[in-house]
Protein backbone atom coordinates (compact mmCIF):
# COMPACT_ATOMS: atom_id res chain seq x y z
CA MET A 1 0.00 0.00 0.00
CA ILE A 2 1.42 3.40 -1.01
CA LYS A 3 0.46 6.45 1.06
CA GLU A 4 0.95 9.94 -0.34
CA HIS A 5 1.65 12.98 1.83
CA LYS A 6 4.43 15.45 1.08
CA LYS A 7 6.48 12.32 0.61
CA TYR A 8 5.55 8.71 -0.07
CA ALA A 9 5.59 5.72 2.26
CA VAL A 10 5.35 2.01 1.58
CA GLU A 11 4.02 -0.47 4.09
CA LEU A 12 4.40 -4.21 3.59
CA GLU A 13 3.37 -7.08 5.86
CA LYS A 14 4.45 -10.72 5.63
CA ILE A 15 3.75 -13.70 7.87
CA TYR A 16 6.53 -16.25 8.31
CA LEU A 17 5.99 -19.74 9.67
CA THR A 18 9.07 -19.53 11.88
CA SER A 19 10.21 -17.79 15.03
CA ARG A 20 10.99 -14.10 15.34
CA LYS A 21 14.51 -15.09 16.43
CA LYS A 22 15.12 -16.95 13.14
CA VAL A 23 13.80 -14.03 11.07
CA LEU A 24 16.02 -11.60 12.97
CA LYS A 25 19.02 -13.86 12.27
CA LEU A 26 18.34 -13.47 8.51
CA PHE A 27 18.89 -9.72 8.93
CA LYS A 28 21.98 -10.08 11.12
CA ASN A 29 23.73 -12.55 8.81
CA LYS A 30 22.90 -10.32 5.77
CA THR A 31 20.70 -12.93 4.05
CA VAL A 32 18.00 -10.27 3.63
CA LEU A 33 20.51 -7.84 2.08
CA LYS A 34 21.63 -10.56 -0.35
CA LEU A 35 18.02 -10.85 -1.54
CA THR A 36 18.21 -7.27 -2.87
CA GLY A 37 20.31 -8.52 -5.79
CA ALA A 38 23.30 -6.38 -4.83
CA ASP A 39 26.59 -7.32 -6.50
CA THR A 40 28.56 -6.46 -3.36
CA ILE A 41 27.56 -6.03 0.29
CA LYS A 42 29.83 -4.32 2.79
CA GLY A 43 29.40 -3.56 6.46
CA ASN A 44 27.76 -5.14 9.47
CA PHE A 45 24.06 -5.34 10.17
CA ASP A 46 24.03 -4.28 13.82
CA THR A 47 23.17 -1.21 15.90
CA GLY A 48 25.33 1.78 15.03
CA LYS A 49 26.88 0.17 11.96
CA ASP A 50 26.92 1.31 8.34
CA PHE A 51 26.33 -0.78 5.24
CA LEU A 52 26.82 -0.41 1.49
CA LEU A 53 25.04 -2.31 -1.28
CA THR A 54 26.54 -1.88 -4.75
CA PHE A 55 24.60 -2.76 -7.89
CA ASN A 56 27.13 -2.71 -10.75
CA ASP A 57 26.34 -0.10 -13.43
CA ARG A 58 22.98 0.67 -11.77
CA GLY A 59 23.42 2.36 -8.42
CA LYS A 60 24.15 1.96 -4.74
CA ILE A 61 22.37 1.94 -1.42
CA THR A 62 24.07 3.15 1.75
CA GLY A 63 22.58 3.01 5.18
CA HIS A 64 23.05 3.15 8.91
CA ILE A 65 21.49 0.77 11.42
CA ILE A 66 20.01 3.22 13.92
CA TYR A 67 19.04 0.32 16.17
CA LEU A 68 18.44 -3.39 15.97
CA LEU A 69 16.27 -4.91 18.70
CA LYS A 70 14.61 -8.32 18.88
CA ASP A 71 11.31 -6.84 17.67
CA HIS A 72 12.24 -3.60 15.85
CA ILE A 73 14.90 -2.59 13.35
CA CYS A 74 15.30 1.06 12.32
CA LEU A 75 17.70 2.12 9.57
CA SER A 76 18.48 4.89 7.16
CA TRP A 77 18.16 3.92 3.47
CA ASN A 78 19.97 6.16 1.01
CA VAL A 79 19.74 5.39 -2.69
CA GLU A 80 21.79 6.82 -5.55
CA GLY A 81 21.38 5.86 -9.21
CA PHE A 82 18.86 3.42 -10.72
CA ASN A 83 17.71 6.20 -13.11
CA LEU A 84 15.78 7.80 -10.25
CA PRO A 85 16.36 10.89 -8.08
CA ASP A 86 18.59 10.31 -5.04
CA GLU A 87 16.62 9.18 -2.02
CA TYR A 88 17.26 9.62 1.70
CA SER A 89 14.66 7.79 3.74
CA THR A 90 13.98 5.70 6.85
CA VAL A 91 12.94 2.07 7.13
CA ASN A 92 11.31 0.58 10.22
CA ILE A 93 10.87 -3.17 10.45
CA PHE A 94 8.69 -4.64 13.18
CA LEU A 95 8.91 -8.32 14.09
CA ASP A 96 5.84 -9.41 16.02
CA LYS A 97 5.59 -12.84 17.58
CA LYS A 98 2.27 -14.62 17.15
CA GLY A 99 2.44 -18.17 18.45
CA GLU A 100 4.89 -20.07 16.24
CA LYS A 101 4.76 -17.35 13.56
CA CYS A 102 6.55 -14.07 12.98
CA ILE A 103 4.68 -11.14 11.46
CA LEU A 104 7.06 -8.76 9.72
CA THR A 105 5.81 -5.24 9.04
CA LEU A 106 8.08 -2.99 7.00
CA ILE A 107 7.38 0.75 6.84
CA HIS A 108 9.57 2.72 4.41
CA GLU A 109 9.00 6.46 4.90
CA GLY A 110 10.31 9.66 3.36
CA ILE A 111 10.33 8.51 -0.26
CA LYS A 112 10.23 11.65 -2.44
CA ASN A 113 9.57 10.02 -5.81
CA LYS A 114 6.29 8.26 -6.65
CA ARG A 115 7.96 5.83 -9.10
CA SER A 116 10.50 4.83 -6.46
CA ALA A 117 7.66 4.12 -4.01
CA GLU A 118 5.86 2.03 -6.64
CA LEU A 119 8.97 -0.07 -7.24
CA LYS A 120 9.24 -0.79 -3.50
CA ASP A 121 5.58 -1.77 -3.13
CA LYS A 122 6.09 -5.39 -4.15
């Protein structure tokens, strides 16, 4: 769902049939970052750390892990390239435990370009 204010926001929700701890591990060991299709991934995915995703001949994403808790991840998400205007935004990821399941809610806010928001709403 895309919400339009002065800037755009994308909210996605997924239910995983595994524990919150296992989903969090996929962030910490960079498996989630690998799923972006980046050619190179640098940095550590932990509180206070920076990361860099490079997509050869397309663009790059830099970011900073503001905090990483067992149920909430907050990070800056800065995009350059991809034939779109540069983007400086914030991503919040909530990991809610529901029995044996983990409900992941991702809220990406501060997106200035409508096309960029549309591409994220998948």
